């Protein structure tokens, strides 16, 4: 959300109160997590990715390699 889309009564709260509000919202999402269901398309995509991961035999990259790629450091 950009600054213009937040209701002014939220935007005008002090930062600490906005952070507390976000935490409350997040907690409410976690409480309702059991009600959240993936679509069939999302489930199929997750299955596809898991199968690809299982068949690749790769364990991924270690932190040093990832950091080098991100930061461009030797």
Protein backbone atom coordinates (compact mmCIF):
# COMPACT_ATOMS: atom_id res chain seq x y z
CA UNK A 1 0.00 0.00 0.00
CA UNK A 2 1.23 3.42 -0.78
CA UNK A 3 0.95 6.28 1.62
CA UNK A 4 -2.17 7.55 -0.13
CA UNK A 5 -4.11 4.30 0.26
CA UNK A 6 -3.76 3.94 4.01
CA UNK A 7 -6.64 5.46 5.95
CA UNK A 8 -5.43 8.66 7.64
CA UNK A 9 -6.37 7.37 11.08
CA UNK A 10 -3.86 4.54 10.58
CA UNK A 11 -1.22 6.60 8.79
CA UNK A 12 -1.24 9.20 11.56
CA UNK A 13 -0.54 6.68 14.31
CA UNK A 14 2.97 6.70 15.77
CA UNK A 15 5.24 4.08 14.22
CA UNK A 16 5.23 1.93 17.37
CA UNK A 17 1.43 1.78 17.32
CA UNK A 18 1.38 0.92 13.61
CA UNK A 19 3.85 -1.91 14.26
CA UNK A 20 1.63 -3.17 17.10
CA UNK A 21 -1.37 -3.04 14.73
CA UNK A 22 0.50 -5.06 12.12
CA UNK A 23 1.40 -7.63 14.79
CA UNK A 24 -2.25 -7.89 15.81
CA UNK A 25 -3.29 -8.33 12.19
CA UNK A 26 -0.62 -11.00 11.67
CA UNK A 27 -1.73 -12.83 14.82
CA UNK A 28 -5.31 -12.83 13.56
CA UNK A 29 -4.12 -14.34 10.26
CA UNK A 30 -2.26 -17.09 12.11
CA UNK A 31 -5.40 -17.84 14.15
CA UNK A 32 -7.39 -18.23 10.94
CA UNK A 33 -4.66 -20.20 9.14
CA UNK A 34 -6.67 -23.43 9.33
CA UNK A 35 -9.37 -21.77 7.24
CA UNK A 36 -6.88 -20.96 4.47
CA UNK A 37 -6.96 -23.36 1.55
CA UNK A 38 -4.79 -23.48 -1.53
CA UNK A 39 -6.43 -23.58 -4.92
CA UNK A 40 -6.02 -26.71 -7.04
CA UNK A 41 -3.67 -24.74 -9.30
CA UNK A 42 -1.52 -23.71 -6.31
CA UNK A 43 -1.40 -27.31 -5.05
CA UNK A 44 -0.40 -28.55 -8.50
CA UNK A 45 2.37 -25.95 -8.73
CA UNK A 46 3.72 -26.91 -5.31
CA UNK A 47 3.66 -30.59 -6.31
CA UNK A 48 5.48 -29.74 -9.54
CA UNK A 49 8.16 -27.81 -7.69
CA UNK A 50 8.61 -30.54 -5.09
CA UNK A 51 8.96 -33.16 -7.81
CA UNK A 52 11.48 -31.00 -9.67
CA UNK A 53 13.46 -30.48 -6.47
CA UNK A 54 13.43 -34.20 -5.68
CA UNK A 55 14.59 -35.16 -9.16
CA UNK A 56 17.36 -32.56 -9.39
CA UNK A 57 19.55 -34.18 -6.76
CA UNK A 58 20.85 -30.74 -5.86
CA UNK A 59 20.89 -29.56 -2.27
CA UNK A 60 20.89 -25.94 -3.35
CA UNK A 61 23.59 -23.38 -2.69
CA UNK A 62 25.49 -22.75 0.48
CA UNK A 63 25.42 -19.31 2.08
CA UNK A 64 28.86 -18.30 0.77
CA UNK A 65 27.79 -18.93 -2.84
CA UNK A 66 24.48 -17.12 -2.39
CA UNK A 67 26.18 -14.14 -0.76
CA UNK A 68 28.72 -13.96 -3.58
CA UNK A 69 25.96 -13.99 -6.21
CA UNK A 70 23.95 -11.32 -4.38
CA UNK A 71 26.79 -9.01 -3.48
CA UNK A 72 28.98 -9.73 -6.47
CA UNK A 73 31.95 -10.30 -4.22
CA UNK A 74 34.75 -12.70 -5.15
